[in-house]
Amino acid sequence: MAGPSTRESRTLGSSPSILPLYARAAAPMLPGASLLPFVPGGGGEIPEIELELTGVRPEPADLAAYAKVCGFALRDRLPPTYPHVLAFPLHMAVMADGSFPFGAVGLVHLENRIEQRRPLGAGEELTIRVHPTPLRPHPKGRTFSLVTEVLAGGEIAWESESTILRRGKPDPAATRSDAFAVSDRPRPKLRTLPEGTPASAEWRLDGGLGRRYGSVSGDRNPIHMHSLTAKPLGFPAAIAHGMWTKARCLAALEGRLPDAFGVDVGFRKPILLPSKVEFASAEQAGETLFSVRDSKREITHLDGRVRPAEPNPQAQTERN
């Protein structure tokens, strides 16, 4: 049995403001800035902290704008990816904390897992909790995850895990399975669509997509905003947000999603904007596999699967 958590829990009075957090997250790029106690980037390990925000209610106008950008129908329940948007200020607050070992700008989102236990009503009052996991070795540096829990009525109704790469010196002993073993929950290998599965849709993505999604999600990472801000960070052009791509896939599958399900995606190759991509999906062994790929070249941008929801560990504990 695991011992008691040593995680420092902080309850926030309101949702953090994103722009000041971005300034702090980018500050380590300035020489000497990481020596300041309130600026991340001093090195070391991921801090054991948890941030909690209570009394969260989605704003109807914000929800409608998000649904429009991502292709969801406007309903009386939240799109399955929208809680990630509600939690994003807490994600940034964790990574902008002065105890965080590096800045957030330049990090790479590798994988995202969502467990929706039940649909969340558009007007429900929510509590959001976010904590990071320890660093683990990776062939291209080191990874950590941001774990999010969304509670409604005192129970966990939605949770996610975003696996993030801090690029650096390769660890020759690291394997891909090391990189994603970031929690106690087993992580089965993400199965991919059978080769030759035909596309069911083609999406033309214009150069302003990153800015539109940034405006509705708060994620204004410079790699998504414009080629002028993406090039200094190693990208030839602005790239689409990974969570927009995941949301757009779930919007395409919206009529086939059950009330409770899990959805895992792996972000393979960035989508340079503007671009034209294909969406394909297929049913296999009780799961829906899907992918986003380049329309002309044999490049997969995203692999994903929708699967039956895992049992709620909180409910199991209460029954035992």
C-alpha atoms as a PDB file:
ATOM      1  CA  MET A   1       0.000   0.000   0.000  1.00  0.00           C
ATOM      2  CA  ALA A   2       1.292   3.419  -0.891  1.00  0.00           C
ATOM      3  CA  GLY A   3       2.216   5.751   1.959  1.00  0.00           C
ATOM      4  CA  PRO A   4       0.628   9.160   2.563  1.00  0.00           C
ATOM      5  CA  SER A   5       1.242  11.764  -0.103  1.00  0.00           C
ATOM      6  CA  THR A   6       3.829  14.451   0.621  1.00  0.00           C
ATOM      7  CA  ARG A   7       2.344  16.651  -2.094  1.00  0.00           C
ATOM      8  CA  GLU A   8       1.832  20.296  -1.140  1.00  0.00           C
ATOM      9  CA  SER A   9      -1.776  21.221  -1.866  1.00  0.00           C
ATOM     10  CA  ARG A  10      -2.745  24.821  -2.654  1.00  0.00           C
ATOM     11  CA  THR A  11      -6.307  26.028  -3.115  1.00  0.00           C
ATOM     12  CA  LEU A  12      -6.611  29.004  -5.460  1.00  0.00           C
ATOM     13  CA  GLY A  13      -9.107  31.798  -4.941  1.00  0.00           C
ATOM     14  CA  SER A  14      -9.663  32.324  -8.665  1.00  0.00           C
ATOM     15  CA  SER A  15      -8.461  31.040 -12.010  1.00  0.00           C
ATOM     16  CA  PRO A  16      -4.908  32.287 -12.707  1.00  0.00           C
ATOM     17  CA  SER A  17      -4.395  34.918 -15.393  1.00  0.00           C
ATOM     18  CA  ILE A  18      -2.698  33.305 -18.385  1.00  0.00           C
ATOM     19  CA  LEU A  19      -0.597  36.143 -19.829  1.00  0.00           C
ATOM     20  CA  PRO A  20       1.498  36.788 -16.665  1.00  0.00           C
ATOM     21  CA  LEU A  21       2.031  33.034 -16.369  1.00  0.00           C
ATOM     22  CA  TYR A  22       3.323  32.889 -19.947  1.00  0.00           C
ATOM     23  CA  ALA A  23       5.734  35.704 -19.140  1.00  0.00           C
ATOM     24  CA  ARG A  24       7.097  33.760 -16.165  1.00  0.00           C
ATOM     25  CA  ALA A  25       7.167  30.492 -18.132  1.00  0.00           C
ATOM     26  CA  ALA A  26       9.215  32.148 -20.894  1.00  0.00           C
ATOM     27  CA  ALA A  27      11.507  34.065 -18.523  1.00  0.00           C
ATOM     28  CA  PRO A  28      14.086  31.201 -18.216  1.00  0.00           C
ATOM     29  CA  MET A  29      15.022  31.900 -21.843  1.00  0.00           C
ATOM     30  CA  LEU A  30      16.568  35.195 -20.655  1.00  0.00           C
ATOM     31  CA  PRO A  31      20.137  34.913 -19.316  1.00  0.00           C
ATOM     32  CA  GLY A  32      20.206  34.878 -15.526  1.00  0.00           C
ATOM     33  CA  ALA A  33      16.420  35.096 -15.075  1.00  0.00           C
ATOM     34  CA  SER A  34      16.167  31.610 -13.543  1.00  0.00           C
ATOM     35  CA  LEU A  35      18.195  32.850 -10.552  1.00  0.00           C
ATOM     36  CA  LEU A  36      15.149  34.850  -9.424  1.00  0.00           C
ATOM     37  CA  PRO A  37      13.120  32.903  -6.823  1.00  0.00           C
ATOM     38  CA  PHE A  38       9.759  33.435  -8.535  1.00  0.00           C
ATOM     39  CA  VAL A  39      10.989  32.286 -11.986  1.00  0.00           C
ATOM     40  CA  PRO A  40      11.118  28.592 -12.970  1.00  0.00           C
ATOM     41  CA  GLY A  41      14.251  27.109 -14.485  1.00  0.00           C
ATOM     42  CA  GLY A  42      16.577  26.431 -11.588  1.00  0.00           C
ATOM     43  CA  GLY A  43      16.949  22.770 -12.509  1.00  0.00           C
ATOM     44  CA  GLY A  44      16.389  19.815 -10.214  1.00  0.00           C
ATOM     45  CA  GLU A  45      13.262  17.713  -9.907  1.00  0.00           C
ATOM     46  CA  ILE A  46       9.573  18.361 -10.480  1.00  0.00           C
ATOM     47  CA  PRO A  47       8.010  19.837  -7.320  1.00  0.00           C
ATOM     48  CA  GLU A  48       5.369  17.819  -5.454  1.00  0.00           C
ATOM     49  CA  ILE A  49       2.543  20.320  -5.623  1.00  0.00           C
ATOM     50  CA  GLU A  50      -1.172  20.159  -6.330  1.00  0.00           C
ATOM     51  CA  LEU A  51      -3.326  23.110  -7.287  1.00  0.00           C
ATOM     52  CA  GLU A  52      -7.072  23.100  -6.676  1.00  0.00           C
ATOM     53  CA  LEU A  53      -9.702  25.487  -7.976  1.00  0.00           C
ATOM     54  CA  THR A  54     -13.296  25.244  -6.742  1.00  0.00           C
ATOM     55  CA  GLY A  55     -16.536  26.772  -7.951  1.00  0.00           C
ATOM     56  CA  VAL A  56     -15.674  26.563 -11.658  1.00  0.00           C
ATOM     57  CA  ARG A  57     -18.583  27.144 -14.038  1.00  0.00           C
ATOM     58  CA  PRO A  58     -18.012  27.316 -17.808  1.00  0.00           C
ATOM     59  CA  GLU A  59     -19.015  30.604 -19.420  1.00  0.00           C
ATOM     60  CA  PRO A  60     -21.663  29.943 -22.114  1.00  0.00           C
ATOM     61  CA  ALA A  61     -20.050  32.341 -24.618  1.00  0.00           C
ATOM     62  CA  ASP A  62     -16.609  30.779 -24.123  1.00  0.00           C
ATOM     63  CA  LEU A  63     -18.061  27.301 -24.523  1.00  0.00           C
ATOM     64  CA  ALA A  64     -19.880  28.270 -27.735  1.00  0.00           C
ATOM     65  CA  ALA A  65     -16.710  29.796 -29.206  1.00  0.00           C
ATOM     66  CA  TYR A  66     -14.708  26.665 -28.364  1.00  0.00           C
ATOM     67  CA  ALA A  67     -17.335  24.360 -29.889  1.00  0.00           C
ATOM     68  CA  LYS A  68     -17.296  26.403 -33.106  1.00  0.00           C
ATOM     69  CA  VAL A  69     -13.499  26.326 -33.510  1.00  0.00           C
ATOM     70  CA  CYS A  70     -13.278  22.581 -32.787  1.00  0.00           C
ATOM     71  CA  GLY A  71     -16.358  21.432 -34.710  1.00  0.00           C
ATOM     72  CA  PHE A  72     -18.548  20.264 -31.814  1.00  0.00           C
ATOM     73  CA  ALA A  73     -22.302  20.655 -31.790  1.00  0.00           C
ATOM     74  CA  LEU A  74     -23.461  23.106 -29.120  1.00  0.00           C
ATOM     75  CA  ARG A  75     -25.239  20.990 -26.487  1.00  0.00           C
ATOM     76  CA  ASP A  76     -26.193  21.075 -22.794  1.00  0.00           C
ATOM     77  CA  ARG A  77     -23.071  19.101 -21.910  1.00  0.00           C
ATOM     78  CA  LEU A  78     -19.380  19.893 -22.205  1.00  0.00           C
ATOM     79  CA  PRO A  79     -17.359  18.560 -25.151  1.00  0.00           C
ATOM     80  CA  PRO A  80     -15.096  15.809 -23.754  1.00  0.00           C
ATOM     81  CA  THR A  81     -11.955  17.910 -24.291  1.00  0.00           C
ATOM     82  CA  TYR A  82     -13.323  21.140 -22.771  1.00  0.00           C
ATOM     83  CA  PRO A  83     -12.310  20.345 -19.161  1.00  0.00           C
ATOM     84  CA  HIS A  84      -8.708  20.462 -20.430  1.00  0.00           C
ATOM     85  CA  VAL A  85      -9.319  24.114 -21.360  1.00  0.00           C
ATOM     86  CA  LEU A  86     -10.774  24.841 -17.914  1.00  0.00           C
ATOM     87  CA  ALA A  87      -7.698  23.249 -16.325  1.00  0.00           C
ATOM     88  CA  PHE A  88      -5.140  24.922 -18.593  1.00  0.00           C
ATOM     89  CA  PRO A  89      -4.563  27.955 -16.330  1.00  0.00           C
ATOM     90  CA  LEU A  90      -3.679  25.530 -13.528  1.00  0.00           C
ATOM     91  CA  HIS A  91      -1.314  23.660 -15.861  1.00  0.00           C
ATOM     92  CA  MET A  92       0.446  26.922 -16.605  1.00  0.00           C
ATOM     93  CA  ALA A  93       0.510  27.888 -12.928  1.00  0.00           C
ATOM     94  CA  VAL A  94       2.265  24.610 -12.079  1.00  0.00           C
ATOM     95  CA  MET A  95       4.895  25.090 -14.795  1.00  0.00           C
ATOM     96  CA  ALA A  96       5.371  28.799 -14.008  1.00  0.00           C
ATOM     97  CA  ASP A  97       5.952  28.110 -10.320  1.00  0.00           C
ATOM     98  CA  GLY A  98       9.357  29.249  -9.092  1.00  0.00           C
ATOM     99  CA  SER A  99      10.133  25.680  -7.947  1.00  0.00           C
ATOM    100  CA  PHE A 100       9.587  24.196 -11.415  1.00  0.00           C
ATOM    101  CA  PRO A 101      12.928  23.065 -12.889  1.00  0.00           C
ATOM    102  CA  PHE A 102      12.510  24.552 -16.396  1.00  0.00           C
ATOM    103  CA  GLY A 103      10.318  26.925 -18.373  1.00  0.00           C
ATOM    104  CA  ALA A 104       7.245  25.763 -20.265  1.00  0.00           C
ATOM    105  CA  VAL A 105       8.130  27.342 -23.613  1.00  0.00           C
ATOM    106  CA  GLY A 106       9.631  24.704 -25.901  1.00  0.00           C
ATOM    107  CA  LEU A 107       8.092  21.679 -24.169  1.00  0.00           C
ATOM    108  CA  VAL A 108       6.542  19.040 -26.477  1.00  0.00           C
ATOM    109  CA  HIS A 109       3.155  17.399 -25.815  1.00  0.00           C
ATOM    110  CA  LEU A 110       3.639  13.685 -26.607  1.00  0.00           C
ATOM    111  CA  GLU A 111       0.482  11.942 -25.440  1.00  0.00           C
ATOM    112  CA  ASN A 112      -2.864  12.729 -23.875  1.00  0.00           C
ATOM    113  CA  ARG A 113      -5.271  10.408 -22.095  1.00  0.00           C
ATOM    114  CA  ILE A 114      -8.805  11.362 -21.053  1.00  0.00           C
ATOM    115  CA  GLU A 115     -11.218   9.329 -18.902  1.00  0.00           C
ATOM    116  CA  GLN A 116     -14.776  10.639 -18.974  1.00  0.00           C
ATOM    117  CA  ARG A 117     -16.732   8.866 -16.229  1.00  0.00           C
ATOM    118  CA  ARG A 118     -19.956  10.638 -17.179  1.00  0.00           C
ATOM    119  CA  PRO A 119     -20.945  13.688 -19.236  1.00  0.00           C
ATOM    120  CA  LEU A 120     -20.487  17.041 -17.512  1.00  0.00           C
ATOM    121  CA  GLY A 121     -23.391  19.455 -17.765  1.00  0.00           C
ATOM    122  CA  ALA A 122     -22.657  22.817 -19.334  1.00  0.00           C
ATOM    123  CA  GLY A 123     -23.842  24.592 -16.166  1.00  0.00           C
ATOM    124  CA  GLU A 124     -22.410  22.274 -13.505  1.00  0.00           C
ATOM    125  CA  GLU A 125     -20.172  23.632 -10.768  1.00  0.00           C
ATOM    126  CA  LEU A 126     -16.791  21.897 -10.897  1.00  0.00           C
ATOM    127  CA  THR A 127     -13.666  21.479  -8.812  1.00  0.00           C
ATOM    128  CA  ILE A 128     -10.384  21.084 -10.708  1.00  0.00           C
ATOM    129  CA  ARG A 129      -7.178  19.570  -9.331  1.00  0.00           C
ATOM    130  CA  VAL A 130      -3.827  19.452 -11.146  1.00  0.00           C
ATOM    131  CA  HIS A 131      -0.495  17.949 -10.143  1.00  0.00           C
ATOM    132  CA  PRO A 132       2.704  17.036 -12.035  1.00  0.00           C
ATOM    133  CA  THR A 133       4.493  13.684 -11.929  1.00  0.00           C
ATOM    134  CA  PRO A 134       8.233  13.106 -11.450  1.00  0.00           C
ATOM    135  CA  LEU A 135      10.659  13.265 -14.369  1.00  0.00           C
ATOM    136  CA  ARG A 136      11.401  10.056 -16.232  1.00  0.00           C
ATOM    137  CA  PRO A 137      14.071   9.224 -18.831  1.00  0.00           C
ATOM    138  CA  HIS A 138      13.276   9.424 -22.535  1.00  0.00           C
ATOM    139  CA  PRO A 139      15.375   8.735 -25.638  1.00  0.00           C
ATOM    140  CA  LYS A 140      15.129  12.444 -26.501  1.00  0.00           C
ATOM    141  CA  GLY A 141      15.398  13.936 -23.013  1.00  0.00           C
ATOM    142  CA  ARG A 142      13.039  13.524 -20.064  1.00  0.00           C
ATOM    143  CA  THR A 143       9.258  13.444 -19.638  1.00  0.00           C
ATOM    144  CA  PHE A 144       6.722  14.292 -16.992  1.00  0.00           C
ATOM    145  CA  SER A 145       2.944  14.404 -16.931  1.00  0.00           C
ATOM    146  CA  LEU A 146       0.293  16.838 -15.803  1.00  0.00           C
ATOM    147  CA  VAL A 147      -2.540  14.903 -14.151  1.00  0.00           C
ATOM    148  CA  THR A 148      -5.932  16.601 -13.971  1.00  0.00           C
ATOM    149  CA  GLU A 149      -9.024  15.599 -11.997  1.00  0.00           C
ATOM    150  CA  VAL A 150     -12.391  17.294 -12.448  1.00  0.00           C
ATOM    151  CA  LEU A 151     -14.914  16.692  -9.687  1.00  0.00           C
ATOM    152  CA  ALA A 152     -18.669  17.247  -9.902  1.00  0.00           C
ATOM    153  CA  GLY A 153     -20.914  16.581  -6.928  1.00  0.00           C
ATOM    154  CA  GLY A 154     -17.876  15.513  -4.915  1.00  0.00           C
ATOM    155  CA  GLU A 155     -16.913  12.678  -7.293  1.00  0.00           C
ATOM    156  CA  ILE A 156     -14.294  12.463 -10.037  1.00  0.00           C
ATOM    157  CA  ALA A 157     -16.260  12.733 -13.277  1.00  0.00           C
ATOM    158  CA  TRP A 158     -13.367  13.434 -15.663  1.00  0.00           C
ATOM    159  CA  GLU A 159      -9.597  13.044 -15.532  1.00  0.00           C
ATOM    160  CA  SER A 160      -6.680  13.354 -17.907  1.00  0.00           C
ATOM    161  CA  GLU A 161      -2.949  12.827 -18.154  1.00  0.00           C
ATOM    162  CA  SER A 162      -0.807  14.891 -20.529  1.00  0.00           C
ATOM    163  CA  THR A 163       2.671  13.467 -21.127  1.00  0.00           C
ATOM    164  CA  ILE A 164       5.199  16.181 -21.947  1.00  0.00           C
ATOM    165  CA  LEU A 165       8.770  16.005 -23.228  1.00  0.00           C
ATOM    166  CA  ARG A 166      11.571  18.252 -22.074  1.00  0.00           C
ATOM    167  CA  ARG A 167      14.036  17.888 -24.922  1.00  0.00           C
ATOM    168  CA  GLY A 168      17.657  17.394 -23.933  1.00  0.00           C
ATOM    169  CA  LYS A 169      20.550  14.992 -23.848  1.00  0.00           C
ATOM    170  CA  PRO A 170      19.334  11.517 -24.886  1.00  0.00           C
ATOM    171  CA  ASP A 171      19.371   8.829 -22.229  1.00  0.00           C
ATOM    172  CA  PRO A 172      20.793   5.714 -23.956  1.00  0.00           C
ATOM    173  CA  ALA A 173      19.196   3.454 -21.343  1.00  0.00           C
ATOM    174  CA  ALA A 174      15.716   4.914 -21.841  1.00  0.00           C
ATOM    175  CA  THR A 175      13.029   3.134 -23.824  1.00  0.00           C
ATOM    176  CA  ARG A 176       9.719   4.384 -25.127  1.00  0.00           C
ATOM    177  CA  SER A 177       7.901   2.419 -22.410  1.00  0.00           C
ATOM    178  CA  ASP A 178       9.992   4.238 -19.771  1.00  0.00           C
ATOM    179  CA  ALA A 179       8.797   7.550 -21.106  1.00  0.00           C
ATOM    180  CA  PHE A 180       5.107   6.887 -20.593  1.00  0.00           C
ATOM    181  CA  ALA A 181       5.207   4.878 -17.335  1.00  0.00           C
ATOM    182  CA  VAL A 182       4.356   8.005 -15.391  1.00  0.00           C
ATOM    183  CA  SER A 183       1.561   6.753 -13.162  1.00  0.00           C
ATOM    184  CA  ASP A 184       0.495   3.613 -11.335  1.00  0.00           C
ATOM    185  CA  ARG A 185      -2.093   2.897 -14.023  1.00  0.00           C
ATOM    186  CA  PRO A 186      -0.883   0.441 -16.708  1.00  0.00           C
ATOM    187  CA  ARG A 187      -0.340   2.058 -20.096  1.00  0.00           C
ATOM    188  CA  PRO A 188      -1.110  -0.437 -22.880  1.00  0.00           C
ATOM    189  CA  LYS A 189       0.505   0.258 -26.231  1.00  0.00           C
ATOM    190  CA  LEU A 190      -1.599   2.533 -28.405  1.00  0.00           C
ATOM    191  CA  ARG A 191      -2.904   0.443 -31.286  1.00  0.00           C
ATOM    192  CA  THR A 192      -3.009   2.108 -34.686  1.00  0.00           C
ATOM    193  CA  LEU A 193      -5.375   1.949 -37.641  1.00  0.00           C
ATOM    194  CA  PRO A 194      -4.825  -0.922 -40.077  1.00  0.00           C
ATOM    195  CA  GLU A 195      -2.759   0.162 -43.060  1.00  0.00           C
ATOM    196  CA  GLY A 196      -4.893   1.244 -45.992  1.00  0.00           C
ATOM    197  CA  THR A 197      -7.908   2.394 -43.944  1.00  0.00           C
ATOM    198  CA  PRO A 198      -9.627   4.956 -46.203  1.00  0.00           C
ATOM    199  CA  ALA A 199     -10.105   8.538 -45.067  1.00  0.00           C
ATOM    200  CA  SER A 200     -13.631   9.626 -44.161  1.00  0.00           C
ATOM    201  CA  ALA A 201     -12.938  13.377 -44.145  1.00  0.00           C
ATOM    202  CA  GLU A 202     -10.443  15.946 -45.363  1.00  0.00           C
ATOM    203  CA  TRP A 203      -9.745  19.104 -43.376  1.00  0.00           C
ATOM    204  CA  ARG A 204      -8.181  22.253 -44.803  1.00  0.00           C
ATOM    205  CA  LEU A 205      -6.410  24.080 -41.995  1.00  0.00           C
ATOM    206  CA  ASP A 206      -5.570  27.728 -42.603  1.00  0.00           C
ATOM    207  CA  GLY A 207      -2.681  29.685 -41.175  1.00  0.00           C
ATOM    208  CA  GLY A 208      -4.834  31.384 -38.538  1.00  0.00           C
ATOM    209  CA  LEU A 209      -6.055  28.187 -36.864  1.00  0.00           C
ATOM    210  CA  GLY A 210      -3.478  28.376 -34.072  1.00  0.00           C
ATOM    211  CA  ARG A 211      -4.514  31.917 -33.198  1.00  0.00           C
ATOM    212  CA  ARG A 212      -8.230  31.038 -33.201  1.00  0.00           C
ATOM    213  CA  TYR A 213      -7.721  28.018 -30.989  1.00  0.00           C
ATOM    214  CA  GLY A 214      -5.387  30.022 -28.760  1.00  0.00           C
ATOM    215  CA  SER A 215      -8.110  32.628 -28.252  1.00  0.00           C
ATOM    216  CA  VAL A 216     -10.693  30.054 -27.099  1.00  0.00           C
ATOM    217  CA  SER A 217      -8.326  27.822 -25.089  1.00  0.00           C
ATOM    218  CA  GLY A 218      -5.886  30.308 -23.580  1.00  0.00           C
ATOM    219  CA  ASP A 219      -2.976  28.287 -25.013  1.00  0.00           C
ATOM    220  CA  ARG A 220      -1.005  31.011 -26.782  1.00  0.00           C
ATOM    221  CA  ASN A 221       2.284  29.157 -26.980  1.00  0.00           C
ATOM    222  CA  PRO A 222       4.344  31.026 -29.638  1.00  0.00           C
ATOM    223  CA  ILE A 223       4.873  27.834 -31.645  1.00  0.00           C
ATOM    224  CA  HIS A 224       1.158  27.976 -32.551  1.00  0.00           C
ATOM    225  CA  MET A 225       0.650  31.677 -33.110  1.00  0.00           C
ATOM    226  CA  HIS A 226       2.704  32.624 -36.190  1.00  0.00           C
ATOM    227  CA  SER A 227       5.661  31.428 -38.248  1.00  0.00           C
ATOM    228  CA  LEU A 228       7.659  34.410 -36.959  1.00  0.00           C
ATOM    229  CA  THR A 229       7.310  33.178 -33.367  1.00  0.00           C
ATOM    230  CA  ALA A 230       7.562  29.475 -34.216  1.00  0.00           C
ATOM    231  CA  LYS A 231      10.841  29.644 -36.154  1.00  0.00           C
ATOM    232  CA  PRO A 232      13.031  30.748 -33.206  1.00  0.00           C
ATOM    233  CA  LEU A 233      11.770  27.644 -31.376  1.00  0.00           C
ATOM    234  CA  GLY A 234      12.773  25.252 -34.147  1.00  0.00           C
ATOM    235  CA  PHE A 235       9.641  24.991 -36.317  1.00  0.00           C
ATOM    236  CA  PRO A 236       9.545  26.131 -39.976  1.00  0.00           C
ATOM    237  CA  ALA A 237       5.993  27.445 -39.513  1.00  0.00           C
ATOM    238  CA  ALA A 238       3.305  27.700 -36.871  1.00  0.00           C
ATOM    239  CA  ILE A 239       1.924  24.302 -35.885  1.00  0.00           C
ATOM    240  CA  ALA A 240      -1.593  23.222 -34.946  1.00  0.00           C
ATOM    241  CA  HIS A 241      -2.303  22.621 -31.268  1.00  0.00           C
ATOM    242  CA  GLY A 242      -2.311  18.931 -30.427  1.00  0.00           C
ATOM    243  CA  MET A 243      -5.412  19.348 -28.259  1.00  0.00           C
ATOM    244  CA  TRP A 244      -7.236  21.072 -31.131  1.00  0.00           C
ATOM    245  CA  THR A 245      -6.446  18.049 -33.295  1.00  0.00           C
ATOM    246  CA  LYS A 246      -7.712  15.676 -30.611  1.00  0.00           C
ATOM    247  CA  ALA A 247     -10.851  17.759 -30.117  1.00  0.00           C
ATOM    248  CA  ARG A 248     -11.523  17.886 -33.869  1.00  0.00           C
ATOM    249  CA  CYS A 249     -11.258  14.091 -34.045  1.00  0.00           C
ATOM    250  CA  LEU A 250     -13.740  13.635 -31.187  1.00  0.00           C
ATOM    251  CA  ALA A 251     -16.079  16.132 -32.824  1.00  0.00           C
ATOM    252  CA  ALA A 252     -15.971  13.949 -35.963  1.00  0.00           C
ATOM    253  CA  LEU A 253     -16.862  10.925 -33.798  1.00  0.00           C
ATOM    254  CA  GLU A 254     -19.343  12.802 -31.595  1.00  0.00           C
ATOM    255  CA  GLY A 255     -22.405  10.826 -32.610  1.00  0.00           C
ATOM    256  CA  ARG A 256     -20.654   7.535 -31.799  1.00  0.00           C
ATOM    257  CA  LEU A 257     -19.292   8.411 -28.352  1.00  0.00           C
ATOM    258  CA  PRO A 258     -20.898   6.779 -25.287  1.00  0.00           C
ATOM    259  CA  ASP A 259     -21.548   8.727 -22.109  1.00  0.00           C
ATOM    260  CA  ALA A 260     -18.532   7.135 -20.392  1.00  0.00           C
ATOM    261  CA  PHE A 261     -15.351   6.333 -22.290  1.00  0.00           C
ATOM    262  CA  GLY A 262     -11.596   6.732 -22.422  1.00  0.00           C
ATOM    263  CA  VAL A 263      -9.676   8.294 -25.305  1.00  0.00           C
ATOM    264  CA  ASP A 264      -5.918   8.100 -25.801  1.00  0.00           C
ATOM    265  CA  VAL A 265      -3.896   9.889 -28.464  1.00  0.00           C
ATOM    266  CA  GLY A 266      -0.259  10.016 -29.447  1.00  0.00           C
ATOM    267  CA  PHE A 267       0.968  13.165 -31.178  1.00  0.00           C
ATOM    268  CA  ARG A 268       3.358  11.895 -33.861  1.00  0.00           C
ATOM    269  CA  LYS A 269       4.377  14.697 -36.238  1.00  0.00           C
ATOM    270  CA  PRO A 270       3.378  18.363 -35.932  1.00  0.00           C
ATOM    271  CA  ILE A 271       0.869  19.755 -38.417  1.00  0.00           C
ATOM    272  CA  LEU A 272       2.443  22.768 -40.110  1.00  0.00           C
ATOM    273  CA  LEU A 273      -0.031  25.556 -40.899  1.00  0.00           C
ATOM    274  CA  PRO A 274      -1.557  25.996 -43.394  1.00  0.00           C
ATOM    275  CA  SER A 275      -2.122  22.361 -44.266  1.00  0.00           C
ATOM    276  CA  LYS A 276      -4.537  19.776 -45.627  1.00  0.00           C
ATOM    277  CA  VAL A 277      -5.020  16.601 -43.597  1.00  0.00           C
ATOM    278  CA  GLU A 278      -7.177  13.489 -43.655  1.00  0.00           C
ATOM    279  CA  PHE A 279      -9.199  11.886 -40.865  1.00  0.00           C
ATOM    280  CA  ALA A 280      -9.793   8.118 -40.813  1.00  0.00           C
ATOM    281  CA  SER A 281     -11.402   5.775 -38.283  1.00  0.00           C
ATOM    282  CA  ALA A 282     -12.368   2.128 -37.908  1.00  0.00           C
ATOM    283  CA  GLU A 283     -13.942  -0.152 -35.311  1.00  0.00           C
ATOM    284  CA  GLN A 284     -11.701  -2.901 -33.976  1.00  0.00           C
ATOM    285  CA  ALA A 285     -12.046  -5.227 -30.973  1.00  0.00           C
ATOM    286  CA  GLY A 286     -14.590  -3.032 -29.210  1.00  0.00           C
ATOM    287  CA  GLU A 287     -12.594   0.167 -29.724  1.00  0.00           C
ATOM    288  CA  THR A 288     -12.672   2.987 -32.262  1.00  0.00           C
ATOM    289  CA  LEU A 289      -9.241   3.615 -33.746  1.00  0.00           C
ATOM    290  CA  PHE A 290      -8.609   6.883 -35.567  1.00  0.00           C
ATOM    291  CA  SER A 291      -5.801   8.896 -37.094  1.00  0.00           C
ATOM    292  CA  VAL A 292      -4.978  12.208 -38.720  1.00  0.00           C
ATOM    293  CA  ARG A 293      -2.522  12.067 -41.575  1.00  0.00           C
ATOM    294  CA  ASP A 294      -1.104  14.245 -44.298  1.00  0.00           C
ATOM    295  CA  SER A 295      -3.219  14.266 -47.449  1.00  0.00           C
ATOM    296  CA  LYS A 296      -0.252  14.007 -49.836  1.00  0.00           C
ATOM    297  CA  ARG A 297       2.659  12.506 -47.921  1.00  0.00           C
ATOM    298  CA  GLU A 298       2.729   9.293 -45.898  1.00  0.00           C
ATOM    299  CA  ILE A 299       2.952  11.115 -42.567  1.00  0.00           C
ATOM    300  CA  THR A 300       0.773  10.375 -39.538  1.00  0.00           C
ATOM    301  CA  HIS A 301       0.185  13.359 -37.282  1.00  0.00           C
ATOM    302  CA  LEU A 302      -1.961  11.672 -34.628  1.00  0.00           C
ATOM    303  CA  ASP A 303      -2.975   8.153 -33.640  1.00  0.00           C
ATOM    304  CA  GLY A 304      -5.868   7.628 -31.260  1.00  0.00           C
ATOM    305  CA  ARG A 305      -8.410   5.249 -29.844  1.00  0.00           C
ATOM    306  CA  VAL A 306     -11.732   5.487 -28.028  1.00  0.00           C
ATOM    307  CA  ARG A 307     -12.226   2.631 -25.581  1.00  0.00           C
ATOM    308  CA  PRO A 308     -14.616   1.604 -22.783  1.00  0.00           C
ATOM    309  CA  ALA A 309     -14.136   3.702 -19.653  1.00  0.00           C
ATOM    310  CA  GLU A 310     -11.991   2.293 -16.872  1.00  0.00           C
ATOM    311  CA  PRO A 311     -13.690   1.618 -13.510  1.00  0.00           C
ATOM    312  CA  ASN A 312     -13.724   4.638 -11.205  1.00  0.00           C
ATOM    313  CA  PRO A 313     -11.008   3.908  -8.596  1.00  0.00           C
ATOM    314  CA  GLN A 314     -12.696   6.309  -6.148  1.00  0.00           C
ATOM    315  CA  ALA A 315     -15.956   4.388  -6.375  1.00  0.00           C
ATOM    316  CA  GLN A 316     -14.151   1.048  -5.994  1.00  0.00           C
ATOM    317  CA  THR A 317     -12.410   2.282  -2.847  1.00  0.00           C
ATOM    318  CA  GLU A 318     -15.697   3.416  -1.352  1.00  0.00           C
ATOM    319  CA  ARG A 319     -17.308   0.015  -2.072  1.00  0.00           C
ATOM    320  CA  ASN A 320     -14.401  -1.812  -0.438  1.00  0.00           C
END
